[in-house]
């Protein structure tokens, strides 16, 4: 798999975990951030779905 085929990280270089262990920049959990490089593309897509839900929830 080429680099261009990999699901890219949602990191925006605003790295700080909140009280729920979720990054305020990319909305991934600390565990998701640590495991990102070992995840398959399917696992990464699942995380990105959770990120979208967390991001929407944080805007309410």
N, C-alpha and C. Protein backbone atom coordinates (compact mmCIF):
# COMPACT_ATOMS: atom_id res chain seq x y z
N UNK A 1 0.84 -1.18 0.00
CA UNK A 1 0.00 0.00 0.00
C UNK A 1 0.88 1.23 0.00
N UNK A 2 0.59 2.14 -0.87
CA UNK A 2 1.39 3.36 -0.93
C UNK A 2 0.93 4.35 0.14
N UNK A 3 1.77 5.33 0.40
CA UNK A 3 1.45 6.35 1.40
C UNK A 3 0.16 7.06 1.03
N UNK A 4 -0.07 7.30 -0.24
CA UNK A 4 -1.27 8.02 -0.67
C UNK A 4 -2.55 7.21 -0.45
N UNK A 5 -2.43 5.89 -0.27
CA UNK A 5 -3.60 5.03 -0.04
C UNK A 5 -4.00 4.99 1.42
N UNK A 6 -3.11 5.40 2.33
CA UNK A 6 -3.41 5.33 3.75
C UNK A 6 -4.37 6.44 4.17
N UNK A 7 -5.25 6.10 5.11
CA UNK A 7 -6.16 7.10 5.67
C UNK A 7 -5.32 8.04 6.53
N UNK A 8 -5.43 9.32 6.24
CA UNK A 8 -4.58 10.31 6.91
C UNK A 8 -5.08 10.64 8.31
N UNK A 9 -4.15 11.01 9.15
CA UNK A 9 -4.45 11.42 10.51
C UNK A 9 -5.23 12.74 10.51
N UNK A 10 -6.18 12.88 11.43
CA UNK A 10 -6.92 14.14 11.54
C UNK A 10 -6.19 15.19 12.38
N UNK A 11 -4.95 14.93 12.73
CA UNK A 11 -4.17 15.84 13.59
C UNK A 11 -4.09 17.22 12.96
N UNK A 12 -4.32 18.25 13.81
CA UNK A 12 -4.22 19.63 13.36
C UNK A 12 -3.17 20.39 14.17
N UNK A 13 -2.30 19.64 14.83
CA UNK A 13 -1.20 20.19 15.63
C UNK A 13 -1.66 21.10 16.77
N UNK A 14 -2.84 20.80 17.30
CA UNK A 14 -3.34 21.44 18.52
C UNK A 14 -3.54 20.29 19.50
N UNK A 15 -2.46 19.92 20.18
CA UNK A 15 -2.44 18.69 20.95
C UNK A 15 -2.60 18.95 22.44
N UNK A 16 -3.78 18.65 22.95
CA UNK A 16 -4.05 18.75 24.38
C UNK A 16 -5.25 17.89 24.68
N UNK A 17 -5.12 17.01 25.68
CA UNK A 17 -6.22 16.13 26.05
C UNK A 17 -7.08 16.82 27.10
N UNK A 18 -8.40 16.68 26.93
CA UNK A 18 -9.32 17.26 27.91
C UNK A 18 -9.54 16.28 29.06
N UNK A 19 -10.45 16.57 29.94
CA UNK A 19 -10.72 15.73 31.12
C UNK A 19 -11.23 14.34 30.73
N UNK A 20 -11.74 14.20 29.52
CA UNK A 20 -12.24 12.90 29.04
C UNK A 20 -11.21 12.13 28.22
N UNK A 21 -9.95 12.58 28.23
CA UNK A 21 -8.86 11.96 27.48
C UNK A 21 -9.08 12.07 25.97
N UNK A 22 -9.70 13.17 25.53
CA UNK A 22 -9.95 13.41 24.11
C UNK A 22 -9.19 14.67 23.71
N UNK A 23 -8.48 14.59 22.60
CA UNK A 23 -7.70 15.74 22.13
C UNK A 23 -8.64 16.86 21.68
N UNK A 24 -8.35 18.08 22.11
CA UNK A 24 -9.20 19.21 21.73
C UNK A 24 -8.96 19.63 20.28
N UNK A 25 -7.89 19.17 19.67
CA UNK A 25 -7.59 19.51 18.28
C UNK A 25 -8.21 18.54 17.28
N UNK A 26 -7.92 17.25 17.45
CA UNK A 26 -8.37 16.26 16.46
C UNK A 26 -9.55 15.40 16.94
N UNK A 27 -9.91 15.50 18.21
CA UNK A 27 -11.05 14.78 18.80
C UNK A 27 -10.84 13.27 18.87
N UNK A 28 -9.58 12.83 18.82
CA UNK A 28 -9.29 11.41 19.05
C UNK A 28 -8.97 11.21 20.52
N UNK A 29 -9.20 9.99 21.01
CA UNK A 29 -8.83 9.68 22.38
C UNK A 29 -7.31 9.47 22.45
N UNK A 30 -6.78 9.53 23.63
CA UNK A 30 -5.35 9.29 23.80
C UNK A 30 -4.94 7.94 23.25
N UNK A 31 -5.77 6.93 23.49
CA UNK A 31 -5.49 5.58 22.99
C UNK A 31 -5.51 5.54 21.47
N UNK A 32 -6.49 6.20 20.86
CA UNK A 32 -6.58 6.23 19.39
C UNK A 32 -5.36 6.92 18.79
N UNK A 33 -4.90 7.97 19.43
CA UNK A 33 -3.71 8.67 18.94
C UNK A 33 -2.49 7.75 19.01
N UNK A 34 -2.33 7.06 20.14
CA UNK A 34 -1.16 6.19 20.31
C UNK A 34 -1.17 5.02 19.34
N UNK A 35 -2.35 4.48 19.04
CA UNK A 35 -2.43 3.30 18.18
C UNK A 35 -2.54 3.62 16.69
N UNK A 36 -2.71 4.88 16.32
CA UNK A 36 -2.99 5.28 14.93
C UNK A 36 -2.04 4.64 13.92
N UNK A 37 -0.75 4.67 14.18
CA UNK A 37 0.21 4.17 13.18
C UNK A 37 0.13 2.65 12.99
N UNK A 38 -0.44 1.94 13.95
CA UNK A 38 -0.58 0.48 13.81
C UNK A 38 -1.95 0.07 13.28
N UNK A 39 -2.87 1.01 13.15
CA UNK A 39 -4.23 0.68 12.72
C UNK A 39 -4.30 0.40 11.22
N UNK A 40 -5.26 -0.45 10.86
CA UNK A 40 -5.57 -0.67 9.45
C UNK A 40 -6.40 0.52 8.96
N UNK A 41 -6.56 0.63 7.67
CA UNK A 41 -7.39 1.71 7.13
C UNK A 41 -8.84 1.60 7.62
N UNK A 42 -9.35 0.39 7.74
CA UNK A 42 -10.71 0.21 8.24
C UNK A 42 -10.83 0.70 9.68
N UNK A 43 -9.84 0.38 10.51
CA UNK A 43 -9.84 0.86 11.89
C UNK A 43 -9.75 2.38 11.93
N UNK A 44 -8.95 2.96 11.06
CA UNK A 44 -8.82 4.41 11.01
C UNK A 44 -10.14 5.06 10.60
N UNK A 45 -10.83 4.46 9.65
CA UNK A 45 -12.13 5.01 9.23
C UNK A 45 -13.13 4.96 10.38
N UNK A 46 -13.10 3.88 11.15
CA UNK A 46 -13.97 3.78 12.33
C UNK A 46 -13.67 4.90 13.32
N UNK A 47 -12.39 5.16 13.55
CA UNK A 47 -11.99 6.24 14.45
C UNK A 47 -12.48 7.58 13.90
N UNK A 48 -12.35 7.80 12.60
CA UNK A 48 -12.78 9.06 12.02
C UNK A 48 -14.28 9.27 12.15
N UNK A 49 -15.06 8.19 12.13
CA UNK A 49 -16.51 8.30 12.38
C UNK A 49 -16.75 8.77 13.81
N UNK A 50 -16.01 8.19 14.76
CA UNK A 50 -16.14 8.60 16.16
C UNK A 50 -15.70 10.05 16.33
N UNK A 51 -14.63 10.43 15.64
CA UNK A 51 -14.14 11.81 15.69
C UNK A 51 -15.24 12.76 15.23
N UNK A 52 -15.92 12.44 14.14
CA UNK A 52 -16.98 13.30 13.62
C UNK A 52 -18.10 13.44 14.64
N UNK A 53 -18.45 12.34 15.31
CA UNK A 53 -19.49 12.40 16.34
C UNK A 53 -19.05 13.26 17.52
N UNK A 54 -17.81 13.09 17.95
CA UNK A 54 -17.29 13.89 19.06
C UNK A 54 -17.23 15.36 18.71
N UNK A 55 -16.81 15.64 17.48
CA UNK A 55 -16.69 17.02 17.04
C UNK A 55 -18.07 17.68 17.00
N UNK A 56 -19.06 16.99 16.48
CA UNK A 56 -20.42 17.51 16.44
C UNK A 56 -20.93 17.75 17.85
N UNK A 57 -20.68 16.81 18.76
CA UNK A 57 -21.11 16.95 20.15
C UNK A 57 -20.45 18.12 20.86
N UNK A 58 -19.23 18.43 20.49
CA UNK A 58 -18.52 19.52 21.15
C UNK A 58 -19.01 20.89 20.68
N UNK A 59 -19.73 20.92 19.57
CA UNK A 59 -20.24 22.19 19.04
C UNK A 59 -21.60 22.56 19.62
N UNK A 60 -22.23 21.60 20.31
CA UNK A 60 -23.57 21.85 20.86
C UNK A 60 -23.52 22.70 22.11
